[in-house]
Protein backbone atom coordinates (compact mmCIF):
# COMPACT_ATOMS: atom_id res chain seq x y z
CA MET A 1 -5.69 -39.96 -50.01
CA SER A 2 -2.55 -41.46 -48.44
CA THR A 3 -1.81 -44.92 -47.06
CA ALA A 4 -0.73 -46.18 -43.65
CA THR A 5 0.55 -49.50 -42.33
CA PHE A 6 -1.12 -51.11 -39.34
CA ARG A 7 0.46 -53.92 -37.32
CA ILE A 8 -2.56 -55.74 -35.87
CA TRP A 9 -2.41 -58.64 -33.47
CA ARG A 10 -4.00 -61.79 -34.89
CA GLY A 11 -4.50 -64.89 -32.79
CA ASP A 12 -6.26 -66.36 -29.78
CA SER A 13 -5.45 -67.70 -26.33
CA ALA A 14 -3.30 -70.43 -27.89
CA GLY A 15 -0.98 -67.90 -29.53
CA GLY A 16 -0.64 -65.53 -32.47
CA GLN A 17 1.43 -62.82 -34.07
CA PHE A 18 1.32 -59.33 -35.54
CA VAL A 19 0.23 -59.04 -39.17
CA ASP A 20 0.92 -55.95 -41.28
CA TYR A 21 -1.89 -54.37 -43.30
CA THR A 22 -1.60 -51.34 -45.56
CA THR A 23 -4.77 -49.37 -46.19
CA LYS A 24 -5.85 -46.00 -47.51
CA VAL A 25 -6.48 -43.30 -44.91
CA ALA A 26 -8.14 -39.91 -45.18
CA GLU A 27 -8.33 -36.77 -43.09
CA GLY A 28 -10.45 -37.17 -39.96
CA MET A 29 -10.18 -40.95 -39.78
CA VAL A 30 -9.76 -42.73 -36.46
CA VAL A 31 -8.10 -46.08 -35.79
CA LEU A 32 -11.46 -47.86 -35.76
CA ASP A 33 -12.15 -46.56 -39.29
CA ALA A 34 -8.90 -48.10 -40.49
CA VAL A 35 -9.64 -51.40 -38.73
CA HIS A 36 -13.05 -51.52 -40.42
CA ALA A 37 -11.46 -50.82 -43.80
CA ILE A 38 -9.02 -53.68 -43.24
CA GLN A 39 -11.88 -55.95 -42.22
CA ALA A 40 -13.80 -55.06 -45.39
CA THR A 41 -10.96 -55.47 -47.88
CA GLN A 42 -8.21 -57.69 -46.46
CA ALA A 43 -9.19 -59.57 -43.29
CA ASN A 44 -12.88 -60.42 -43.14
CA ASP A 45 -12.31 -62.64 -40.09
CA LEU A 46 -10.57 -59.97 -37.99
CA ALA A 47 -12.33 -59.90 -34.60
CA CYS A 48 -12.95 -56.44 -33.17
CA ARG A 49 -15.48 -55.34 -30.57
CA TRP A 50 -17.25 -52.02 -31.09
CA ASN A 51 -20.71 -50.49 -30.84
CA CYS A 52 -21.36 -46.73 -30.85
CA LYS A 53 -18.23 -45.39 -32.57
CA ALA A 54 -18.72 -42.21 -30.55
CA GLY A 55 -16.72 -42.75 -27.36
CA ARG A 56 -19.82 -43.53 -25.30
CA CYS A 57 -20.00 -47.34 -25.04
CA GLY A 58 -16.41 -48.21 -24.14
CA SER A 59 -16.47 -51.31 -26.35
CA CYS A 60 -13.52 -50.67 -28.68
CA SER A 61 -10.77 -50.55 -26.05
CA ALA A 62 -7.36 -51.66 -27.30
CA GLU A 63 -3.69 -50.81 -26.98
CA ILE A 64 -2.53 -48.46 -29.72
CA ASN A 65 1.22 -48.02 -30.00
CA GLY A 66 1.47 -49.55 -26.54
CA ARG A 67 -1.03 -47.25 -24.83
CA PRO A 68 -4.57 -48.25 -23.74
CA ARG A 69 -7.01 -46.15 -25.77
CA LEU A 70 -10.41 -46.20 -27.44
CA MET A 71 -9.99 -46.95 -31.15
CA CYS A 72 -12.96 -44.76 -32.04
CA MET A 73 -11.48 -41.73 -30.27
CA THR A 74 -7.88 -42.06 -31.49
CA ARG A 75 -7.39 -39.93 -34.58
CA LEU A 76 -4.79 -41.06 -37.08
CA ASP A 77 -3.33 -37.55 -37.31
CA GLU A 78 -2.43 -37.82 -33.60
CA LEU A 79 -0.18 -40.81 -34.30
CA PRO A 80 3.26 -40.97 -35.91
CA ASP A 81 3.48 -41.59 -39.65
CA GLU A 82 5.27 -44.90 -39.30
CA SER A 83 3.57 -48.23 -38.62
CA ILE A 84 0.67 -48.08 -36.14
CA THR A 85 0.44 -51.03 -33.74
CA VAL A 86 -2.98 -52.21 -32.56
CA GLU A 87 -3.26 -55.03 -30.03
CA PRO A 88 -5.77 -56.27 -27.42
CA MET A 89 -5.76 -55.19 -23.78
CA LYS A 90 -3.13 -57.21 -21.93
CA THR A 91 -4.76 -57.42 -18.51
CA PHE A 92 -7.70 -59.58 -19.58
CA PRO A 93 -7.84 -63.05 -21.18
CA LEU A 94 -7.65 -62.98 -24.96
CA ILE A 95 -10.61 -64.37 -26.89
CA ARG A 96 -9.48 -63.61 -30.43
CA ASP A 97 -7.55 -60.89 -32.26
CA LEU A 98 -8.52 -57.57 -30.60
CA VAL A 99 -11.28 -59.00 -28.38
CA THR A 100 -10.67 -59.79 -24.70
CA ASP A 101 -12.88 -61.29 -22.00
CA VAL A 102 -13.72 -58.48 -19.56
CA SER A 103 -16.38 -60.40 -17.63
CA TRP A 104 -14.14 -60.48 -14.53
CA ASN A 105 -14.96 -56.80 -13.96
CA TYR A 106 -18.66 -57.57 -13.56
CA GLN A 107 -17.95 -60.40 -11.15
CA ALA A 108 -15.62 -58.24 -9.07
CA LYS A 109 -18.31 -55.55 -8.95
CA LYS A 110 -20.40 -57.86 -6.78
CA LYS A 111 -17.87 -57.38 -3.97
CA ILE A 112 -19.11 -53.81 -3.48
CA LYS A 113 -22.28 -53.33 -1.47
CA LYS A 114 -25.23 -51.84 -3.31
CA PHE A 115 -26.74 -48.41 -2.74
CA LYS A 116 -28.75 -48.19 0.50
CA PRO A 117 -30.55 -44.85 0.95
CA ARG A 118 -31.64 -43.35 4.23
CA PRO A 119 -35.38 -42.84 4.80
CA PRO A 120 -37.01 -39.92 2.94
CA ASP A 121 -36.81 -36.66 4.84
CA ALA A 122 -39.47 -34.59 3.06
CA PRO A 123 -43.26 -34.64 3.60
CA ASP A 124 -43.82 -35.81 0.03
CA GLY A 125 -41.69 -38.91 0.56
CA THR A 126 -38.62 -37.66 -1.29
CA TRP A 127 -35.13 -36.52 -0.26
CA ARG A 128 -33.38 -33.19 -0.02
CA MET A 129 -29.71 -32.84 -0.98
CA ALA A 130 -27.31 -29.96 -1.37
CA GLN A 131 -26.29 -29.35 -4.98
CA ALA A 132 -22.62 -29.46 -4.01
CA ASP A 133 -23.05 -33.02 -2.75
CA VAL A 134 -24.82 -34.03 -5.96
CA ASP A 135 -22.10 -32.46 -8.10
CA ARG A 136 -19.40 -34.29 -6.22
CA VAL A 137 -20.50 -37.78 -7.28
CA GLN A 138 -21.62 -36.73 -10.76
CA GLU A 139 -18.06 -36.97 -12.08
CA PHE A 140 -17.92 -40.69 -11.27
CA ARG A 141 -21.14 -41.33 -13.19
CA LYS A 142 -19.40 -40.36 -16.43
CA CYS A 143 -17.57 -43.70 -16.49
CA ILE A 144 -18.34 -45.67 -19.68
CA GLU A 145 -16.73 -48.89 -18.39
CA CYS A 146 -14.15 -49.08 -21.15
CA PHE A 147 -11.83 -50.70 -18.57
CA LEU A 148 -8.78 -48.87 -19.89
CA CYS A 149 -7.95 -47.88 -16.32
CA GLN A 150 -8.14 -51.55 -15.33
CA ASP A 151 -5.90 -52.47 -18.24
CA VAL A 152 -3.15 -49.98 -17.34
CA CYS A 153 -3.23 -50.67 -13.59
CA HIS A 154 0.05 -52.41 -12.77
CA VAL A 155 -1.49 -54.26 -9.80
CA LEU A 156 -3.79 -56.10 -12.22
CA ARG A 157 -1.62 -56.02 -15.35
CA ASP A 158 1.83 -56.89 -13.99
CA HIS A 159 1.11 -58.55 -10.65
CA ASN A 160 -2.10 -60.40 -11.61
CA LYS A 161 -3.90 -59.53 -8.36
CA LEU A 162 -7.37 -59.94 -9.85
CA ALA A 163 -8.47 -62.12 -6.94
CA GLU A 164 -7.36 -59.55 -4.36
CA PHE A 165 -7.84 -56.11 -5.96
CA VAL A 166 -10.91 -54.77 -7.76
CA GLY A 167 -9.04 -52.07 -9.67
CA PRO A 168 -9.58 -48.35 -10.30
CA ARG A 169 -12.86 -48.66 -12.22
CA LEU A 170 -14.57 -50.38 -9.31
CA LEU A 171 -13.03 -48.02 -6.78
CA VAL A 172 -14.66 -45.21 -8.77
CA PHE A 173 -17.93 -47.13 -8.52
CA ALA A 174 -17.45 -47.51 -4.76
CA ALA A 175 -16.62 -43.80 -4.41
CA ALA A 176 -19.85 -42.86 -6.19
CA LEU A 177 -21.74 -44.80 -3.54
CA GLU A 178 -19.64 -43.88 -0.50
CA MET A 179 -19.81 -40.15 -1.25
CA HIS A 180 -23.50 -40.15 -2.12
CA PRO A 181 -25.30 -37.98 0.44
CA LEU A 182 -28.23 -40.40 0.72
CA ASP A 183 -26.27 -43.63 1.12
CA THR A 184 -26.01 -45.25 4.56
CA GLU A 185 -24.06 -48.43 3.78
CA ASP A 186 -20.60 -49.02 5.27
CA ARG A 187 -18.20 -50.34 2.61
CA LEU A 188 -14.93 -49.62 4.40
CA PRO A 189 -14.34 -53.20 5.64
CA GLU A 190 -14.85 -54.53 2.09
CA LEU A 191 -12.63 -51.83 0.58
CA LYS A 192 -9.87 -52.82 2.99
CA ARG A 193 -10.19 -56.58 2.58
CA SER A 194 -11.92 -58.03 -0.48
CA ALA A 195 -11.49 -54.91 -2.65
CA GLY A 196 -7.81 -54.60 -1.69
CA ILE A 197 -7.61 -50.81 -1.82
CA GLY A 198 -4.26 -50.96 -0.02
CA TYR A 199 -2.62 -52.36 -3.17
CA CYS A 200 -3.07 -49.06 -5.01
CA ASN A 201 0.04 -46.88 -4.74
CA ILE A 202 -1.57 -43.91 -6.52
CA THR A 203 0.71 -43.70 -9.57
CA LYS A 204 -2.17 -42.00 -11.46
CA CYS A 205 -1.68 -44.14 -14.56
CA CYS A 206 -5.42 -44.89 -14.50
CA THR A 207 -6.27 -41.19 -14.54
CA LYS A 208 -4.00 -40.59 -17.55
CA VAL A 209 -5.82 -43.08 -19.80
CA CYS A 210 -9.43 -42.24 -18.81
CA PRO A 211 -11.28 -41.02 -21.94
CA GLU A 212 -13.81 -39.20 -19.75
CA ASN A 213 -11.07 -37.32 -17.87
CA ILE A 214 -12.29 -38.56 -14.51
CA LYS A 215 -9.77 -37.70 -11.81
CA ILE A 216 -9.75 -41.30 -10.63
CA THR A 217 -6.81 -41.07 -8.25
CA ASP A 218 -7.35 -37.65 -6.70
CA ASN A 219 -11.13 -37.60 -6.41
CA ALA A 220 -12.01 -41.27 -5.87
CA ILE A 221 -9.16 -43.50 -4.72
CA ILE A 222 -7.30 -41.14 -2.38
CA PRO A 223 -10.46 -40.08 -0.45
CA LEU A 224 -11.44 -43.75 -0.08
CA LYS A 225 -7.95 -44.66 1.15
CA GLU A 226 -8.15 -41.80 3.67
CA ARG A 227 -11.44 -43.13 4.99
CA VAL A 228 -10.03 -46.64 5.36
CA VAL A 229 -6.98 -45.27 7.21
CA ASP A 230 -9.17 -43.19 9.52
CA GLU A 231 -11.35 -46.20 10.28
CA PHE A 232 -8.73 -48.90 10.79
CA TYR A 233 -5.35 -47.29 11.43
CA ASP A 234 -5.90 -43.99 13.26
CA PRO A 235 -5.21 -44.42 17.02
CA LEU A 236 -7.18 -41.27 17.81
CA GLY A 237 -10.11 -42.78 15.97
CA TRP A 238 -9.87 -45.92 18.08
CA LEU A 239 -9.93 -43.78 21.22
CA TRP A 240 -12.99 -41.89 20.00
CA LYS A 241 -14.83 -45.16 19.37
CA LEU A 242 -14.19 -46.14 22.97
CA VAL A 243 -15.42 -42.90 24.52
CA ARG A 244 -18.16 -41.73 22.13
CA PRO A 245 -21.78 -42.10 23.30
CA LYS A 246 -23.54 -45.29 22.25
CA THR A 247 -26.38 -45.08 19.73
CA GLY A 248 -29.68 -44.77 21.50
CA SER A 249 -28.31 -43.06 24.62
CA GLY A 250 -29.97 -39.83 23.63
CA SER A 251 -26.73 -37.86 23.67
CA GLU A 252 -25.29 -38.77 20.24
CA LEU A 253 -24.92 -36.18 17.50
CA LYS A 254 -27.99 -35.96 15.28
CA VAL A 255 -27.93 -35.26 11.56
CA PRO A 256 -30.40 -32.47 10.70
CA SER A 257 -33.57 -33.76 9.07
CA SER A 258 -32.89 -31.65 5.98
CA GLY A 259 -30.11 -34.11 5.05
CA LEU A 260 -28.12 -31.41 3.29
CA SER A 261 -24.34 -31.14 3.25
CA GLN A 262 -24.13 -31.98 6.96
CA SER A 263 -24.44 -35.66 6.06
CA PRO A 264 -21.31 -37.55 7.16
CA LYS A 265 -21.44 -39.55 3.92
CA ALA A 266 -20.93 -36.36 1.95
CA ALA A 267 -17.76 -35.34 3.74
CA VAL A 268 -14.21 -36.48 3.26
């Protein structure tokens, strides 16, 4: 069994510093294992949030050697042999040591309209959907709300636009609703204004840190941005709104009662 040195941030909102701890490490250990060992033997008051230790709860988010990662999914053999730095996420207010206050994410989530399904289209009172439409939104449901994507987003991290931009995690949440074949709600005005989707310049840094490998930028944010552009900035779209038949005139396009992939909510 060898040893490794960990530089762990200790402090609170009033200030703090890095403290070096040397502990024994073994094959197969992850950063969270080492943090627990340090808690048990050297720093009983070290604050660290965790729950499942299996990469499913998203609780143990931190910055390891400067990169947002889950401590429970970061193996020590993936890191360099020299000192390993562990510090809290920088985007959110620090509570103590490695624990940050991520409650802002849940408040910002309220800006996005809830799921609103269309009426059932089957005799038994249920819905019919094409499997391709179901598969499309399934990727977004893998999110464990670790908020690593929020932490790395430069709009939130460097420019402090928390009041104006909801961040990549909540744009994934909005995409799961907008692309759902049963949903009928219109979220485009909110995405443009209160959600601030225009702030995202698609650098894909959020995609790179996602532990669930969700293609946040390509599959969620870019399609949403395209919809906002089509709705608010496309001159041909404005012309179509002027000349298209009004609802109730009897001449508008009808969506087939089967509600399969013809649903406009399922298309990009």
